């Protein structure tokens, strides 16, 4: 009998405090954004709020793209 290896993607799970440290956004602001349904994607793991690092980085990239100004804008 052959065994088929199964790998699942590994999440790099962050706490609100870690996201705050990573982004410079205050914890209270991240909490307010979550309550308002904005900010980086997050979810509850038990009774704790968690963020996936990839989601936070994607959100940061989207914010940068949406607010970029100046002569060095990428060609459309």
N, C-alpha and C. Protein backbone atom coordinates (compact mmCIF):
# COMPACT_ATOMS: atom_id res chain seq x y z
N UNK A 1 0.85 -1.17 0.00
CA UNK A 1 0.00 0.00 0.00
C UNK A 1 0.90 1.23 0.00
N UNK A 2 0.63 2.11 -0.92
CA UNK A 2 1.42 3.35 -1.02
C UNK A 2 0.80 4.42 -0.13
N UNK A 3 1.65 5.19 0.45
CA UNK A 3 1.20 6.32 1.26
C UNK A 3 1.39 7.59 0.48
N UNK A 4 0.36 8.35 0.36
CA UNK A 4 0.43 9.62 -0.36
C UNK A 4 0.66 10.72 0.66
N UNK A 5 1.73 11.46 0.46
CA UNK A 5 2.02 12.57 1.37
C UNK A 5 1.03 13.70 1.16
N UNK A 6 0.62 14.28 2.22
CA UNK A 6 -0.31 15.42 2.15
C UNK A 6 0.30 16.57 2.93
N UNK A 7 0.46 17.66 2.24
CA UNK A 7 0.94 18.85 2.94
C UNK A 7 -0.13 19.91 2.87
N UNK A 8 -0.33 20.55 3.95
CA UNK A 8 -1.29 21.65 3.98
C UNK A 8 -0.51 22.94 4.17
N UNK A 9 -1.06 24.03 3.64
CA UNK A 9 -0.35 25.30 3.80
C UNK A 9 -0.21 25.66 5.28
N UNK A 10 0.93 26.17 5.62
CA UNK A 10 1.18 26.58 6.99
C UNK A 10 0.87 28.07 7.13
N UNK A 11 0.01 28.39 8.05
CA UNK A 11 -0.31 29.78 8.31
C UNK A 11 0.71 30.37 9.26
N UNK A 12 1.09 31.58 8.98
CA UNK A 12 1.94 32.32 9.91
C UNK A 12 0.99 33.21 10.68
N UNK A 13 0.51 32.72 11.81
CA UNK A 13 -0.55 33.37 12.57
C UNK A 13 0.04 34.40 13.52
N UNK A 14 -0.56 35.59 13.51
CA UNK A 14 -0.10 36.71 14.33
C UNK A 14 -1.18 37.16 15.29
N UNK A 15 -0.77 37.68 16.42
CA UNK A 15 -1.69 38.31 17.37
C UNK A 15 -1.88 39.78 16.97
N UNK A 16 -2.84 40.42 17.59
CA UNK A 16 -3.06 41.85 17.34
C UNK A 16 -1.82 42.65 17.71
N UNK A 17 -1.19 42.30 18.83
CA UNK A 17 0.02 43.00 19.25
C UNK A 17 1.15 42.83 18.24
N UNK A 18 1.27 41.65 17.66
CA UNK A 18 2.31 41.42 16.66
C UNK A 18 2.04 42.21 15.38
N UNK A 19 0.77 42.29 14.97
CA UNK A 19 0.43 43.09 13.80
C UNK A 19 0.72 44.56 14.08
N UNK A 20 0.42 45.00 15.27
CA UNK A 20 0.70 46.38 15.66
C UNK A 20 2.20 46.66 15.57
N UNK A 21 3.00 45.76 16.10
CA UNK A 21 4.45 45.94 16.06
C UNK A 21 4.97 45.91 14.63
N UNK A 22 4.41 45.03 13.83
CA UNK A 22 4.85 44.87 12.44
C UNK A 22 4.51 46.09 11.58
N UNK A 23 3.35 46.69 11.83
CA UNK A 23 2.86 47.77 10.97
C UNK A 23 3.02 49.17 11.56
N UNK A 24 3.17 49.25 12.88
CA UNK A 24 3.20 50.55 13.53
C UNK A 24 1.82 51.12 13.79
N UNK A 25 0.79 50.32 13.53
CA UNK A 25 -0.59 50.74 13.78
C UNK A 25 -0.93 50.37 15.22
N UNK A 26 -1.44 51.32 16.01
CA UNK A 26 -1.75 51.01 17.41
C UNK A 26 -2.77 49.87 17.55
N UNK A 27 -2.61 49.07 18.60
CA UNK A 27 -3.52 47.96 18.87
C UNK A 27 -4.96 48.44 18.90
N UNK A 28 -5.21 49.56 19.55
CA UNK A 28 -6.58 50.07 19.66
C UNK A 28 -7.17 50.40 18.28
N UNK A 29 -6.35 50.90 17.38
CA UNK A 29 -6.82 51.19 16.02
C UNK A 29 -7.17 49.89 15.30
N UNK A 30 -6.32 48.87 15.43
CA UNK A 30 -6.62 47.57 14.81
C UNK A 30 -7.92 47.00 15.36
N UNK A 31 -8.14 47.15 16.66
CA UNK A 31 -9.40 46.67 17.27
C UNK A 31 -10.60 47.44 16.72
N UNK A 32 -10.46 48.75 16.61
CA UNK A 32 -11.56 49.57 16.09
C UNK A 32 -11.85 49.21 14.63
N UNK A 33 -10.81 49.02 13.85
CA UNK A 33 -11.00 48.64 12.44
C UNK A 33 -11.69 47.29 12.33
N UNK A 34 -11.31 46.33 13.19
CA UNK A 34 -11.96 45.02 13.16
C UNK A 34 -13.44 45.16 13.49
N UNK A 35 -13.75 45.95 14.50
CA UNK A 35 -15.14 46.18 14.89
C UNK A 35 -15.93 46.83 13.75
N UNK A 36 -15.27 47.72 13.00
CA UNK A 36 -15.92 48.42 11.88
C UNK A 36 -15.93 47.58 10.60
N UNK A 37 -15.22 46.45 10.60
CA UNK A 37 -15.18 45.61 9.40
C UNK A 37 -14.17 46.08 8.37
N UNK A 38 -13.18 46.84 8.81
CA UNK A 38 -12.14 47.31 7.90
C UNK A 38 -10.79 46.79 8.40
N UNK A 39 -9.72 47.24 7.77
CA UNK A 39 -8.39 46.80 8.19
C UNK A 39 -8.06 45.43 7.64
N UNK A 40 -6.94 44.87 8.06
CA UNK A 40 -6.53 43.56 7.55
C UNK A 40 -7.49 42.46 8.01
N UNK A 41 -7.62 41.41 7.19
CA UNK A 41 -8.49 40.29 7.54
C UNK A 41 -8.03 39.65 8.84
N UNK A 42 -8.98 39.27 9.65
CA UNK A 42 -8.68 38.62 10.92
C UNK A 42 -9.79 37.63 11.24
N UNK A 43 -9.55 36.79 12.21
CA UNK A 43 -10.55 35.82 12.63
C UNK A 43 -10.32 35.47 14.09
N UNK A 44 -11.30 34.75 14.65
CA UNK A 44 -11.18 34.32 16.04
C UNK A 44 -10.70 32.87 16.08
N UNK A 45 -9.73 32.63 16.91
CA UNK A 45 -9.25 31.29 17.20
C UNK A 45 -9.52 31.09 18.69
N UNK A 46 -10.58 30.35 18.98
CA UNK A 46 -11.05 30.30 20.36
C UNK A 46 -11.65 31.66 20.68
N UNK A 47 -11.15 32.31 21.71
CA UNK A 47 -11.64 33.65 22.03
C UNK A 47 -10.58 34.71 21.73
N UNK A 48 -9.59 34.36 20.92
CA UNK A 48 -8.50 35.29 20.58
C UNK A 48 -8.58 35.70 19.12
N UNK A 49 -8.24 36.95 18.84
CA UNK A 49 -8.19 37.46 17.47
C UNK A 49 -6.84 37.10 16.88
N UNK A 50 -6.86 36.60 15.65
CA UNK A 50 -5.63 36.23 14.96
C UNK A 50 -5.64 36.79 13.54
N UNK A 51 -4.45 37.00 13.01
CA UNK A 51 -4.24 37.49 11.66
C UNK A 51 -3.26 36.55 10.96
N UNK A 52 -3.46 36.34 9.68
CA UNK A 52 -2.49 35.60 8.87
C UNK A 52 -1.51 36.63 8.31
N UNK A 53 -0.21 36.38 8.47
CA UNK A 53 0.80 37.34 7.99
C UNK A 53 0.59 37.67 6.51
N UNK A 54 0.25 36.67 5.68
CA UNK A 54 0.05 36.92 4.25
C UNK A 54 -1.11 37.89 4.03
N UNK A 55 -2.18 37.77 4.82
CA UNK A 55 -3.32 38.70 4.71
C UNK A 55 -2.91 40.12 5.10
N UNK A 56 -2.12 40.24 6.15
CA UNK A 56 -1.66 41.57 6.59
C UNK A 56 -0.79 42.20 5.51
N UNK A 57 0.13 41.43 4.95
CA UNK A 57 1.01 41.96 3.90
C UNK A 57 0.21 42.34 2.66
N UNK A 58 -0.78 41.53 2.29
CA UNK A 58 -1.63 41.85 1.14
C UNK A 58 -2.42 43.13 1.39
N UNK A 59 -2.92 43.29 2.61
CA UNK A 59 -3.67 44.49 2.95
C UNK A 59 -2.77 45.72 2.89
N UNK A 60 -1.54 45.59 3.40
CA UNK A 60 -0.59 46.71 3.33
C UNK A 60 -0.29 47.08 1.88
N UNK A 61 -0.10 46.08 1.02
CA UNK A 61 0.15 46.35 -0.40
C UNK A 61 -1.04 47.07 -1.04
N UNK A 62 -2.25 46.64 -0.70
CA UNK A 62 -3.45 47.28 -1.24
C UNK A 62 -3.56 48.73 -0.77
N UNK A 63 -3.23 48.98 0.49
CA UNK A 63 -3.26 50.35 1.01
C UNK A 63 -2.25 51.22 0.30
N UNK A 64 -1.07 50.67 0.08
CA UNK A 64 -0.02 51.42 -0.62
C UNK A 64 -0.46 51.75 -2.04
N UNK A 65 -1.00 50.76 -2.74
CA UNK A 65 -1.43 50.98 -4.12
C UNK A 65 -2.57 52.00 -4.20
N UNK A 66 -3.49 51.94 -3.24
CA UNK A 66 -4.66 52.83 -3.26
C UNK A 66 -4.31 54.27 -2.91
N UNK A 67 -3.22 54.47 -2.20
CA UNK A 67 -2.90 55.82 -1.73
C UNK A 67 -1.61 56.38 -2.31
N UNK A 68 -1.00 55.65 -3.26
CA UNK A 68 0.28 56.08 -3.83
C UNK A 68 0.10 57.37 -4.62
N UNK A 69 1.02 58.28 -4.43
CA UNK A 69 1.01 59.56 -5.13
C UNK A 69 2.43 59.87 -5.59
N UNK A 70 2.53 60.69 -6.62
CA UNK A 70 3.85 61.16 -7.03
C UNK A 70 4.22 60.72 -8.43
N UNK A 71 5.40 61.17 -8.85
CA UNK A 71 5.89 60.92 -10.20
C UNK A 71 6.32 59.48 -10.43
N UNK A 72 6.55 58.74 -9.37
CA UNK A 72 7.06 57.38 -9.53
C UNK A 72 5.96 56.32 -9.57
N UNK A 73 4.74 56.74 -9.94
CA UNK A 73 3.64 55.79 -10.04
C UNK A 73 3.90 54.81 -11.18
N UNK A 74 3.56 53.54 -10.99
CA UNK A 74 3.73 52.58 -12.08
C UNK A 74 2.80 52.93 -13.24
N UNK A 75 3.23 52.62 -14.45
CA UNK A 75 2.42 52.89 -15.64
C UNK A 75 1.16 52.04 -15.62
N UNK A 76 0.05 52.65 -16.03
CA UNK A 76 -1.23 51.92 -16.02
C UNK A 76 -1.42 51.15 -17.29
